[in-house]
Amino acid sequence: VQKTESTPKKEKKTYRPPDTHYYKYGRSLFPRLTFEESDREILKMLEEIFLSRYA
């Protein structure tokens, strides 16, 4: 028994946002988020905690 195709094959299409979509130019709109200052403070605190105890 052969299986007959009842539905035609659909073409696969990937969604592409329009050129006006904010993903295309969003980098220039929003400032880059960094945690550099808070990371430095955290590292300094950890150094004080661990290195002063065991020094």
N, C-alpha and C. Protein backbone atom coordinates (compact mmCIF):
# COMPACT_ATOMS: atom_id res chain seq x y z
N VAL A 1 0.86 -1.17 0.00
CA VAL A 1 0.00 0.00 0.00
C VAL A 1 0.90 1.23 0.00
N GLN A 2 0.71 2.08 -1.01
CA GLN A 2 1.51 3.29 -1.10
C GLN A 2 0.76 4.44 -0.45
N LYS A 3 1.53 5.29 0.19
CA LYS A 3 0.93 6.45 0.85
C LYS A 3 0.87 7.60 -0.16
N THR A 4 -0.30 8.14 -0.32
CA THR A 4 -0.44 9.26 -1.26
C THR A 4 -0.31 10.57 -0.49
N GLU A 5 0.28 11.55 -1.15
CA GLU A 5 0.45 12.85 -0.51
C GLU A 5 -0.86 13.63 -0.62
N SER A 6 -1.43 13.92 0.53
CA SER A 6 -2.71 14.62 0.51
C SER A 6 -2.52 16.14 0.58
N THR A 7 -1.39 16.57 1.14
CA THR A 7 -1.14 18.01 1.24
C THR A 7 0.09 18.36 0.41
N PRO A 8 0.03 19.44 -0.32
CA PRO A 8 1.21 19.85 -1.09
C PRO A 8 2.30 20.35 -0.15
N LYS A 9 3.55 20.19 -0.56
CA LYS A 9 4.67 20.62 0.28
C LYS A 9 4.73 22.14 0.29
N LYS A 10 4.92 22.67 1.49
CA LYS A 10 5.01 24.12 1.64
C LYS A 10 6.48 24.53 1.54
N GLU A 11 6.70 25.68 0.95
CA GLU A 11 8.06 26.20 0.89
C GLU A 11 8.44 26.76 2.25
N LYS A 12 9.67 26.47 2.67
CA LYS A 12 10.14 26.99 3.95
C LYS A 12 10.63 28.42 3.74
N LYS A 13 10.10 29.31 4.55
CA LYS A 13 10.51 30.71 4.48
C LYS A 13 10.93 31.16 5.87
N THR A 14 12.08 31.79 5.95
CA THR A 14 12.51 32.34 7.23
C THR A 14 12.03 33.77 7.33
N TYR A 15 11.64 34.14 8.54
CA TYR A 15 11.15 35.50 8.75
C TYR A 15 12.33 36.45 8.80
N ARG A 16 12.26 37.49 8.03
CA ARG A 16 13.28 38.53 8.06
C ARG A 16 12.60 39.85 8.40
N PRO A 17 13.04 40.48 9.50
CA PRO A 17 12.39 41.74 9.87
C PRO A 17 12.68 42.82 8.84
N PRO A 18 11.80 43.79 8.73
CA PRO A 18 12.02 44.87 7.76
C PRO A 18 13.21 45.73 8.17
N ASP A 19 13.70 46.53 7.25
CA ASP A 19 14.87 47.37 7.52
C ASP A 19 14.60 48.41 8.60
N THR A 20 13.35 48.72 8.85
CA THR A 20 13.03 49.70 9.88
C THR A 20 12.98 49.09 11.28
N HIS A 21 13.16 47.78 11.39
CA HIS A 21 13.08 47.11 12.68
C HIS A 21 14.25 47.55 13.56
N TYR A 22 13.98 47.70 14.86
CA TYR A 22 15.02 48.25 15.74
C TYR A 22 16.19 47.30 15.95
N TYR A 23 16.03 46.01 15.67
CA TYR A 23 17.17 45.10 15.78
C TYR A 23 18.28 45.48 14.81
N LYS A 24 17.90 46.07 13.70
CA LYS A 24 18.90 46.40 12.68
C LYS A 24 19.79 47.56 13.12
N TYR A 25 19.21 48.52 13.86
CA TYR A 25 20.00 49.69 14.24
C TYR A 25 19.96 49.93 15.75
N GLY A 26 19.58 48.93 16.53
CA GLY A 26 19.42 49.10 17.97
C GLY A 26 20.70 49.38 18.71
N ARG A 27 21.83 48.92 18.18
CA ARG A 27 23.10 49.14 18.87
C ARG A 27 23.41 50.61 19.01
N SER A 28 23.05 51.39 18.01
CA SER A 28 23.35 52.81 18.06
C SER A 28 22.33 53.57 18.92
N LEU A 29 21.17 52.98 19.17
CA LEU A 29 20.14 53.67 19.96
C LEU A 29 20.38 53.57 21.46
N PHE A 30 20.79 52.39 21.92
CA PHE A 30 20.89 52.15 23.35
C PHE A 30 22.35 52.07 23.77
N PRO A 31 22.72 52.71 24.88
CA PRO A 31 24.10 52.59 25.34
C PRO A 31 24.37 51.17 25.83
N ARG A 32 25.59 50.73 25.65
CA ARG A 32 25.96 49.38 26.05
C ARG A 32 26.00 49.30 27.58
N LEU A 33 25.42 48.26 28.13
CA LEU A 33 25.33 48.09 29.57
C LEU A 33 26.58 47.36 30.06
N THR A 34 27.31 47.98 30.97
CA THR A 34 28.50 47.34 31.53
C THR A 34 28.44 47.41 33.05
N PHE A 35 29.07 46.44 33.66
CA PHE A 35 29.12 46.38 35.12
C PHE A 35 30.57 46.50 35.59
N GLU A 36 31.37 47.24 34.84
CA GLU A 36 32.79 47.30 35.13
C GLU A 36 33.07 47.90 36.51
N GLU A 37 32.39 48.98 36.85
CA GLU A 37 32.63 49.62 38.15
C GLU A 37 32.20 48.73 39.30
N SER A 38 31.02 48.14 39.19
CA SER A 38 30.55 47.29 40.28
C SER A 38 31.39 46.02 40.37
N ASP A 39 31.90 45.52 39.23
CA ASP A 39 32.77 44.35 39.27
C ASP A 39 34.06 44.66 40.02
N ARG A 40 34.60 45.86 39.77
CA ARG A 40 35.82 46.25 40.48
C ARG A 40 35.57 46.33 41.98
N GLU A 41 34.43 46.89 42.36
CA GLU A 41 34.10 47.00 43.79
C GLU A 41 33.94 45.62 44.42
N ILE A 42 33.31 44.71 43.70
CA ILE A 42 33.11 43.35 44.22
C ILE A 42 34.45 42.64 44.37
N LEU A 43 35.32 42.77 43.37
CA LEU A 43 36.63 42.13 43.46
C LEU A 43 37.46 42.71 44.61
N LYS A 44 37.38 44.01 44.81
CA LYS A 44 38.10 44.64 45.92
C LYS A 44 37.58 44.11 47.25
N MET A 45 36.26 43.99 47.38
CA MET A 45 35.67 43.48 48.60
C MET A 45 36.10 42.03 48.86
N LEU A 46 36.11 41.21 47.80
CA LEU A 46 36.51 39.82 47.96
C LEU A 46 37.99 39.71 48.35
N GLU A 47 38.82 40.57 47.76
CA GLU A 47 40.23 40.57 48.14
C GLU A 47 40.39 40.92 49.60
N GLU A 48 39.66 41.92 50.06
CA GLU A 48 39.75 42.31 51.47
C GLU A 48 39.29 41.18 52.38
N ILE A 49 38.24 40.49 52.00
CA ILE A 49 37.71 39.40 52.84
C ILE A 49 38.67 38.23 52.88
N PHE A 50 39.06 37.73 51.70
CA PHE A 50 39.83 36.48 51.67
C PHE A 50 41.32 36.69 51.87
N LEU A 51 41.89 37.71 51.29
CA LEU A 51 43.33 37.87 51.39
C LEU A 51 43.75 38.43 52.74
N SER A 52 42.90 39.22 53.38
CA SER A 52 43.29 39.73 54.69
C SER A 52 43.16 38.65 55.77
N ARG A 53 42.25 37.73 55.60
CA ARG A 53 42.10 36.65 56.57
C ARG A 53 43.27 35.68 56.53
N TYR A 54 43.69 35.34 55.31
CA TYR A 54 44.68 34.27 55.17
C TYR A 54 46.08 34.80 54.92
N ALA A 55 46.27 36.11 54.99
CA ALA A 55 47.60 36.67 54.73
C ALA A 55 48.48 36.55 55.96
